[in-house]
């Protein structure tokens, strides 16, 4: 379905005839539940929801509205891949199982970045001098 970008009125709809007994390929949204209750988020971590849709093959009558990932027990450094999703019976996931769906990572403070940047700048080694530096000598 296509909608007008400003008025949101429907502009175009594609209809498909589905044969009984044939499976269809559809993209299903992935929703993350209990983000605020997540152990990793409570510890100050950042939950990144990377894959919001997964491609599945399923009977038209069995198409799930969404796939829900419960983040409640996820700790800092936790990762959830497509292969870890709990999909209903009869649903075949076609998306690459190694694709990252979400992860919780530590948030680096600006103080950490500044200190690390200072350390890196101290370690810079001059390999070759530029044309202007050679002319000054």
C-alpha atoms as a PDB file:
ATOM      1  CA  UNK A   1       0.000   0.000   0.000  1.00  0.00           C
ATOM      2  CA  UNK A   2       1.301   3.434  -0.890  1.00  0.00           C
ATOM      3  CA  UNK A   3       0.214   6.620   0.853  1.00  0.00           C
ATOM      4  CA  UNK A   4       0.673  10.261  -0.029  1.00  0.00           C
ATOM      5  CA  UNK A   5       3.634  11.507   2.063  1.00  0.00           C
ATOM      6  CA  UNK A   6       1.837  14.592   3.399  1.00  0.00           C
ATOM      7  CA  UNK A   7      -1.867  13.794   3.474  1.00  0.00           C
ATOM      8  CA  UNK A   8      -1.390  10.066   4.238  1.00  0.00           C
ATOM      9  CA  UNK A   9      -4.267   9.285   1.847  1.00  0.00           C
ATOM     10  CA  UNK A  10      -4.072   5.897   0.168  1.00  0.00           C
ATOM     11  CA  UNK A  11      -2.707   6.240  -3.366  1.00  0.00           C
ATOM     12  CA  UNK A  12      -2.146   2.634  -4.402  1.00  0.00           C
ATOM     13  CA  UNK A  13      -2.891  -0.869  -3.129  1.00  0.00           C
ATOM     14  CA  UNK A  14      -1.623  -4.171  -4.531  1.00  0.00           C
ATOM     15  CA  UNK A  15      -3.973  -7.116  -4.108  1.00  0.00           C
ATOM     16  CA  UNK A  16      -2.830 -10.698  -4.539  1.00  0.00           C
ATOM     17  CA  UNK A  17      -4.826 -13.836  -5.141  1.00  0.00           C
ATOM     18  CA  UNK A  18      -3.551 -16.509  -2.797  1.00  0.00           C
ATOM     19  CA  UNK A  19      -4.118 -20.136  -3.668  1.00  0.00           C
ATOM     20  CA  UNK A  20      -5.255 -22.419  -0.892  1.00  0.00           C
ATOM     21  CA  UNK A  21      -2.414 -24.549   0.441  1.00  0.00           C
ATOM     22  CA  UNK A  22       0.335 -22.287  -0.925  1.00  0.00           C
ATOM     23  CA  UNK A  23       2.636 -20.427   1.429  1.00  0.00           C
ATOM     24  CA  UNK A  24       3.408 -16.737   1.032  1.00  0.00           C
ATOM     25  CA  UNK A  25       6.554 -14.761   1.787  1.00  0.00           C
ATOM     26  CA  UNK A  26       5.957 -11.739   4.012  1.00  0.00           C
ATOM     27  CA  UNK A  27       7.986  -9.405   6.195  1.00  0.00           C
ATOM     28  CA  UNK A  28       6.989  -9.495   9.849  1.00  0.00           C
ATOM     29  CA  UNK A  29       7.885  -6.700  12.295  1.00  0.00           C
ATOM     30  CA  UNK A  30      10.060  -7.523  15.304  1.00  0.00           C
ATOM     31  CA  UNK A  31       9.002  -5.728  18.503  1.00  0.00           C
ATOM     32  CA  UNK A  32      11.091  -5.509  21.663  1.00  0.00           C
ATOM     33  CA  UNK A  33       9.125  -5.763  24.921  1.00  0.00           C
ATOM     34  CA  UNK A  34      10.209  -4.831  28.465  1.00  0.00           C
ATOM     35  CA  UNK A  35      13.045  -2.541  27.380  1.00  0.00           C
ATOM     36  CA  UNK A  36      12.882  -0.479  30.593  1.00  0.00           C
ATOM     37  CA  UNK A  37      12.918  -3.666  32.704  1.00  0.00           C
ATOM     38  CA  UNK A  38      16.010  -5.015  30.932  1.00  0.00           C
ATOM     39  CA  UNK A  39      18.947  -5.693  33.263  1.00  0.00           C
ATOM     40  CA  UNK A  40      21.418  -4.221  30.776  1.00  0.00           C
ATOM     41  CA  UNK A  41      19.404  -1.030  30.289  1.00  0.00           C
ATOM     42  CA  UNK A  42      19.022  -0.616  34.064  1.00  0.00           C
ATOM     43  CA  UNK A  43      22.829  -0.821  34.338  1.00  0.00           C
ATOM     44  CA  UNK A  44      23.102   2.110  31.927  1.00  0.00           C
ATOM     45  CA  UNK A  45      23.389   0.185  28.677  1.00  0.00           C
ATOM     46  CA  UNK A  46      21.977   1.199  25.313  1.00  0.00           C
ATOM     47  CA  UNK A  47      19.616  -1.204  23.547  1.00  0.00           C
ATOM     48  CA  UNK A  48      20.040  -1.042  19.785  1.00  0.00           C
ATOM     49  CA  UNK A  49      17.228  -2.558  17.714  1.00  0.00           C
ATOM     50  CA  UNK A  50      19.023  -3.409  14.462  1.00  0.00           C
ATOM     51  CA  UNK A  51      16.646  -5.635  12.453  1.00  0.00           C
ATOM     52  CA  UNK A  52      13.065  -4.440  12.629  1.00  0.00           C
ATOM     53  CA  UNK A  53      11.643  -6.782   9.961  1.00  0.00           C
ATOM     54  CA  UNK A  54      12.263 -10.446   9.157  1.00  0.00           C
ATOM     55  CA  UNK A  55      11.219 -12.325   6.037  1.00  0.00           C
ATOM     56  CA  UNK A  56       9.158 -15.453   6.663  1.00  0.00           C
ATOM     57  CA  UNK A  57       7.276 -18.037   4.648  1.00  0.00           C
ATOM     58  CA  UNK A  58       3.927 -19.071   6.080  1.00  0.00           C
ATOM     59  CA  UNK A  59       0.365 -20.079   5.259  1.00  0.00           C
ATOM     60  CA  UNK A  60      -1.754 -16.941   4.748  1.00  0.00           C
ATOM     61  CA  UNK A  61      -4.060 -17.942   7.601  1.00  0.00           C
ATOM     62  CA  UNK A  62      -1.094 -18.273  10.011  1.00  0.00           C
ATOM     63  CA  UNK A  63       0.697 -14.957   9.385  1.00  0.00           C
ATOM     64  CA  UNK A  64       1.743 -13.560  12.779  1.00  0.00           C
ATOM     65  CA  UNK A  65       1.125  -9.882  13.429  1.00  0.00           C
ATOM     66  CA  UNK A  66       4.599  -9.480  14.956  1.00  0.00           C
ATOM     67  CA  UNK A  67       7.487 -11.356  16.543  1.00  0.00           C
ATOM     68  CA  UNK A  68       8.113 -10.238  20.131  1.00  0.00           C
ATOM     69  CA  UNK A  69      11.530 -10.306  21.809  1.00  0.00           C
ATOM     70  CA  UNK A  70      11.414 -10.024  25.607  1.00  0.00           C
ATOM     71  CA  UNK A  71      14.377  -7.897  26.723  1.00  0.00           C
ATOM     72  CA  UNK A  72      13.677  -8.335  30.452  1.00  0.00           C
ATOM     73  CA  UNK A  73      16.493 -10.849  31.080  1.00  0.00           C
ATOM     74  CA  UNK A  74      19.035  -9.354  28.661  1.00  0.00           C
ATOM     75  CA  UNK A  75      22.227  -8.144  30.321  1.00  0.00           C
ATOM     76  CA  UNK A  76      24.970  -5.774  29.220  1.00  0.00           C
ATOM     77  CA  UNK A  77      26.650  -7.220  26.128  1.00  0.00           C
ATOM     78  CA  UNK A  78      23.692  -9.463  25.258  1.00  0.00           C
ATOM     79  CA  UNK A  79      22.919 -10.057  21.590  1.00  0.00           C
ATOM     80  CA  UNK A  80      19.845 -11.535  19.932  1.00  0.00           C
ATOM     81  CA  UNK A  81      20.161 -12.915  16.409  1.00  0.00           C
ATOM     82  CA  UNK A  82      17.433 -14.002  13.986  1.00  0.00           C
ATOM     83  CA  UNK A  83      18.189 -17.635  14.887  1.00  0.00           C
ATOM     84  CA  UNK A  84      17.334 -16.824  18.542  1.00  0.00           C
ATOM     85  CA  UNK A  85      13.812 -15.564  17.773  1.00  0.00           C
ATOM     86  CA  UNK A  86      10.857 -17.550  19.044  1.00  0.00           C
ATOM     87  CA  UNK A  87       8.629 -17.926  15.977  1.00  0.00           C
ATOM     88  CA  UNK A  88       5.214 -19.606  15.950  1.00  0.00           C
ATOM     89  CA  UNK A  89       4.808 -23.127  14.623  1.00  0.00           C
ATOM     90  CA  UNK A  90       4.379 -23.255  10.854  1.00  0.00           C
ATOM     91  CA  UNK A  91       6.471 -20.134  10.261  1.00  0.00           C
ATOM     92  CA  UNK A  92       9.711 -20.605   8.326  1.00  0.00           C
ATOM     93  CA  UNK A  93      12.242 -17.796   8.735  1.00  0.00           C
ATOM     94  CA  UNK A  94      13.960 -16.888   5.447  1.00  0.00           C
ATOM     95  CA  UNK A  95      16.118 -14.060   6.794  1.00  0.00           C
ATOM     96  CA  UNK A  96      19.785 -14.963   7.383  1.00  0.00           C
ATOM     97  CA  UNK A  97      19.920 -16.530  10.884  1.00  0.00           C
ATOM     98  CA  UNK A  98      23.181 -14.689  11.699  1.00  0.00           C
ATOM     99  CA  UNK A  99      21.665 -11.207  11.318  1.00  0.00           C
ATOM    100  CA  UNK A 100      21.724  -9.221  14.553  1.00  0.00           C
ATOM    101  CA  UNK A 101      18.244  -8.245  15.759  1.00  0.00           C
ATOM    102  CA  UNK A 102      19.248  -6.329  18.886  1.00  0.00           C
ATOM    103  CA  UNK A 103      22.057  -5.892  21.381  1.00  0.00           C
ATOM    104  CA  UNK A 104      22.762  -4.046  24.597  1.00  0.00           C
ATOM    105  CA  UNK A 105      26.054  -2.195  24.783  1.00  0.00           C
ATOM    106  CA  UNK A 106      27.744   0.060  27.307  1.00  0.00           C
ATOM    107  CA  UNK A 107      27.526   3.775  26.670  1.00  0.00           C
ATOM    108  CA  UNK A 108      30.935   5.417  26.557  1.00  0.00           C
ATOM    109  CA  UNK A 109      31.136   8.709  28.393  1.00  0.00           C
ATOM    110  CA  UNK A 110      32.738  11.761  26.801  1.00  0.00           C
ATOM    111  CA  UNK A 111      35.484  11.634  29.469  1.00  0.00           C
ATOM    112  CA  UNK A 112      36.467   8.149  28.300  1.00  0.00           C
ATOM    113  CA  UNK A 113      36.592   9.325  24.688  1.00  0.00           C
ATOM    114  CA  UNK A 114      38.719  12.365  25.571  1.00  0.00           C
ATOM    115  CA  UNK A 115      41.249  10.317  27.541  1.00  0.00           C
ATOM    116  CA  UNK A 116      41.441   7.714  24.798  1.00  0.00           C
ATOM    117  CA  UNK A 117      41.863  10.424  22.148  1.00  0.00           C
ATOM    118  CA  UNK A 118      44.704  12.016  24.129  1.00  0.00           C
ATOM    119  CA  UNK A 119      46.461   8.666  24.458  1.00  0.00           C
ATOM    120  CA  UNK A 120      46.138   8.020  20.736  1.00  0.00           C
ATOM    121  CA  UNK A 121      47.488  11.462  19.823  1.00  0.00           C
ATOM    122  CA  UNK A 122      50.578  10.886  21.999  1.00  0.00           C
ATOM    123  CA  UNK A 123      51.329   7.664  20.154  1.00  0.00           C
ATOM    124  CA  UNK A 124      51.371   9.187  16.644  1.00  0.00           C
ATOM    125  CA  UNK A 125      54.667   8.585  14.892  1.00  0.00           C
ATOM    126  CA  UNK A 126      55.934  10.703  11.991  1.00  0.00           C
ATOM    127  CA  UNK A 127      56.725   8.384   9.105  1.00  0.00           C
ATOM    128  CA  UNK A 128      57.561  10.947   6.428  1.00  0.00           C
ATOM    129  CA  UNK A 129      57.690  14.719   6.384  1.00  0.00           C
ATOM    130  CA  UNK A 130      55.591  16.692   3.931  1.00  0.00           C
ATOM    131  CA  UNK A 131      56.915  18.952   1.181  1.00  0.00           C
ATOM    132  CA  UNK A 132      56.536  22.142   3.287  1.00  0.00           C
ATOM    133  CA  UNK A 133      58.479  20.632   6.210  1.00  0.00           C
ATOM    134  CA  UNK A 134      61.349  19.621   3.919  1.00  0.00           C
ATOM    135  CA  UNK A 135      61.594  23.155   2.466  1.00  0.00           C
ATOM    136  CA  UNK A 136      61.897  24.663   5.977  1.00  0.00           C
ATOM    137  CA  UNK A 137      64.947  22.517   6.762  1.00  0.00           C
END
